[in-house]
Amino acid sequence: MGEDGHLGTVVGVQGGEYLGNLCLDGGARDVEPLGDPRRLGVLEEVAAAGGVAVGLAVWIAAVALLGVNLTARSGEDLLVVGPGAVFVAGLVASLAALGLLALLERTTRRPRRTWTIVAVSVLVVSLAGPLMQGTSAAAAATLLAMHVAVGTAIIVAVGGTARPGRRDG
């Protein structure tokens, strides 16, 4: 039994919704809520890391293992797509996805649905880049594979962190 005469408290979650701290013996207690334990930032960090890791895994498989000369056109220039560029692109995409989801959670009734529609649309439109910028069939295929892998990882991971939207119509 605790100092306050109660058996203790647990964090209550039902149907994925945070209910607050509940007294084990059913007694009333003034409890300062800890906040939603799902929103500690860990899920978001894992989601961002997932987008980066998947992009780097595709790059390693294509460039380091298969020997693809991964270059892309940028105007008149040819750019070598290295692991640093893949890391930054995956991180920027992940953080942009998380930022959009955070905004939608505050402003829409169905943030996960809205975010998923936007994310899939952005992924589909972004596929034009690799198709037009790859300097060879292998480079274009690798860039396309990275886009699809990173986009899919972000959609699955970030979408899974979505909270319920606003309730006030």
Protein backbone atom coordinates (compact mmCIF):
# COMPACT_ATOMS: atom_id res chain seq x y z
CA MET A 1 0.00 0.00 0.00
CA GLY A 2 1.29 3.45 -0.88
CA GLU A 3 1.74 6.48 1.38
CA ASP A 4 -1.65 7.78 0.27
CA GLY A 5 -3.50 4.65 1.43
CA HIS A 6 -4.06 3.26 -2.07
CA LEU A 7 -2.71 0.02 -3.44
CA GLY A 8 -1.04 1.90 -6.29
CA THR A 9 -1.81 3.28 -9.73
CA VAL A 10 -1.52 2.05 -13.26
CA VAL A 11 -1.73 3.81 -16.60
CA GLY A 12 -5.12 3.04 -18.11
CA VAL A 13 -5.44 2.37 -21.83
CA GLN A 14 -8.58 1.04 -23.49
CA GLY A 15 -9.02 0.54 -27.21
CA GLY A 16 -5.79 2.44 -27.84
CA GLU A 17 -7.07 5.52 -25.98
CA TYR A 18 -5.18 6.88 -22.97
CA LEU A 19 -7.52 7.01 -19.97
CA GLY A 20 -5.15 8.41 -17.36
CA ASN A 21 -3.80 6.96 -14.14
CA LEU A 22 -6.19 4.60 -12.39
CA CYS A 23 -6.09 3.56 -8.73
CA LEU A 24 -5.78 -0.19 -8.32
CA ASP A 25 -8.27 -0.28 -5.42
CA GLY A 26 -10.80 1.94 -7.20
CA GLY A 27 -10.35 4.79 -4.72
CA ALA A 28 -10.53 8.40 -5.79
CA ARG A 29 -7.23 10.17 -6.09
CA ASP A 30 -6.04 13.48 -7.48
CA VAL A 31 -3.47 12.33 -10.01
CA GLU A 32 -1.34 14.51 -12.24
CA PRO A 33 -1.66 12.88 -15.71
CA LEU A 34 1.58 11.69 -17.24
CA GLY A 35 0.40 12.39 -20.77
CA ASP A 36 -0.14 9.89 -23.52
CA PRO A 37 2.62 7.27 -23.15
CA ARG A 38 2.50 6.59 -26.90
CA ARG A 39 3.64 10.14 -27.61
CA LEU A 40 7.03 10.14 -25.95
CA GLY A 41 8.80 10.74 -29.25
CA VAL A 42 10.24 7.25 -29.52
CA LEU A 43 7.81 6.19 -32.22
CA GLU A 44 8.60 9.28 -34.24
CA GLU A 45 12.35 8.72 -33.89
CA VAL A 46 11.99 5.12 -35.02
CA ALA A 47 9.84 6.20 -37.97
CA ALA A 48 12.43 8.77 -39.08
CA ALA A 49 15.27 6.29 -38.65
CA GLY A 50 13.34 3.70 -40.63
CA GLY A 51 13.07 5.93 -43.67
CA VAL A 52 16.79 6.64 -43.55
CA ALA A 53 17.78 3.01 -42.94
CA VAL A 54 15.69 1.64 -45.79
CA GLY A 55 17.16 4.14 -48.25
CA LEU A 56 20.69 3.31 -47.18
CA ALA A 57 19.98 -0.43 -47.41
CA VAL A 58 18.85 -0.06 -51.04
CA TRP A 59 21.91 2.11 -51.80
CA ILE A 60 24.27 -0.48 -50.27
CA ALA A 61 22.63 -3.32 -52.18
CA ALA A 62 22.75 -1.49 -55.51
CA VAL A 63 26.03 0.41 -55.32
CA ALA A 64 28.26 -1.57 -52.97
CA LEU A 65 27.04 -5.07 -53.79
CA LEU A 66 25.80 -4.87 -57.39
CA GLY A 67 28.16 -2.16 -58.62
CA VAL A 68 25.52 0.24 -59.97
CA ASN A 69 27.00 3.58 -61.04
CA LEU A 70 24.40 5.69 -59.24
CA THR A 71 24.35 9.07 -60.93
CA ALA A 72 21.48 11.44 -61.60
CA ARG A 73 20.95 14.39 -63.92
CA SER A 74 20.48 17.80 -62.37
CA GLY A 75 20.07 20.26 -65.20
CA GLU A 76 23.28 20.05 -67.21
CA ASP A 77 25.23 18.39 -64.40
CA LEU A 78 25.61 14.77 -63.39
CA LEU A 79 25.55 14.10 -59.66
CA VAL A 80 26.90 11.03 -57.94
CA VAL A 81 24.29 9.86 -55.45
CA GLY A 82 26.26 8.84 -52.37
CA PRO A 83 25.21 7.60 -48.94
CA GLY A 84 25.23 11.13 -47.52
CA ALA A 85 22.65 12.29 -50.05
CA VAL A 86 20.53 9.21 -49.37
CA PHE A 87 20.75 9.81 -45.61
CA VAL A 88 19.75 13.48 -45.91
CA ALA A 89 16.92 12.78 -48.37
CA GLY A 90 15.48 10.03 -46.15
CA LEU A 91 15.75 12.19 -43.05
CA VAL A 92 14.17 15.23 -44.71
CA ALA A 93 11.31 13.11 -46.08
CA SER A 94 10.72 11.49 -42.68
CA LEU A 95 10.75 14.79 -40.80
CA ALA A 96 8.47 16.44 -43.37
CA ALA A 97 6.05 13.52 -43.01
CA LEU A 98 6.10 13.79 -39.21
CA GLY A 99 5.59 17.56 -39.37
CA LEU A 100 2.61 17.22 -41.68
CA LEU A 101 1.07 14.53 -39.49
CA ALA A 102 1.51 16.71 -36.38
CA LEU A 103 -0.27 19.57 -38.14
CA LEU A 104 -3.10 17.34 -39.35
CA GLU A 105 -3.56 15.87 -35.85
CA ARG A 106 -4.33 19.37 -34.60
CA THR A 107 -6.50 20.54 -37.47
CA THR A 108 -8.46 17.62 -38.94
CA ARG A 109 -10.97 15.08 -37.71
CA ARG A 110 -9.28 12.15 -39.47
CA PRO A 111 -5.57 12.93 -39.51
CA ARG A 112 -4.29 9.45 -40.34
CA ARG A 113 -6.60 9.07 -43.33
CA THR A 114 -5.84 12.56 -44.63
CA TRP A 115 -2.10 12.12 -44.06
CA THR A 116 -2.06 8.74 -45.81
CA ILE A 117 -3.82 10.16 -48.88
CA VAL A 118 -1.34 13.06 -49.05
CA ALA A 119 1.68 10.80 -48.42
CA VAL A 120 0.74 8.26 -51.10
CA SER A 121 0.02 11.09 -53.56
CA VAL A 122 3.40 12.70 -52.87
CA LEU A 123 5.14 9.34 -53.32
CA VAL A 124 3.43 8.70 -56.66
CA VAL A 125 4.25 12.18 -57.98
CA SER A 126 7.84 11.92 -56.72
CA LEU A 127 8.43 8.82 -58.85
CA ALA A 128 8.76 11.04 -61.92
CA GLY A 129 12.11 12.33 -60.58
CA PRO A 130 14.00 9.03 -60.62
CA LEU A 131 12.53 8.09 -63.97
CA MET A 132 13.71 11.33 -65.57
CA GLN A 133 16.96 11.84 -63.66
CA GLY A 134 18.57 8.40 -63.78
CA THR A 135 21.54 8.34 -66.16
CA SER A 136 21.13 4.64 -66.99
CA ALA A 137 18.47 1.99 -66.63
CA ALA A 138 20.25 0.62 -63.55
CA ALA A 139 20.56 4.09 -61.99
CA ALA A 140 16.90 4.90 -62.71
CA ALA A 141 15.79 1.55 -61.29
CA THR A 142 17.88 2.07 -58.16
CA LEU A 143 16.58 5.61 -57.64
CA LEU A 144 13.05 4.34 -58.18
CA ALA A 145 13.59 1.47 -55.73
CA MET A 146 14.94 3.90 -53.10
CA HIS A 147 11.95 6.21 -53.55
CA VAL A 148 9.45 3.38 -53.21
CA ALA A 149 11.28 1.76 -50.27
CA VAL A 150 11.73 5.00 -48.32
CA GLY A 151 8.20 6.20 -49.12
CA THR A 152 6.64 2.90 -48.09
CA ALA A 153 8.66 2.75 -44.87
CA ILE A 154 7.65 6.30 -44.00
CA ILE A 155 3.97 5.71 -44.81
CA VAL A 156 3.83 2.59 -42.66
CA ALA A 157 5.96 3.88 -39.76
CA VAL A 158 4.76 7.48 -39.55
CA GLY A 159 1.15 6.58 -40.23
CA GLY A 160 1.34 4.18 -37.29
CA THR A 161 2.15 7.05 -34.92
CA ALA A 162 -1.06 8.97 -35.72
CA ARG A 163 -3.23 10.13 -32.82
CA PRO A 164 -6.94 10.74 -33.01
CA GLY A 165 -7.79 14.13 -34.55
CA ARG A 166 -9.67 17.01 -33.03
CA ARG A 167 -13.14 16.16 -31.79
CA ASP A 168 -14.84 19.54 -32.01
CA GLY A 169 -16.23 19.28 -35.55
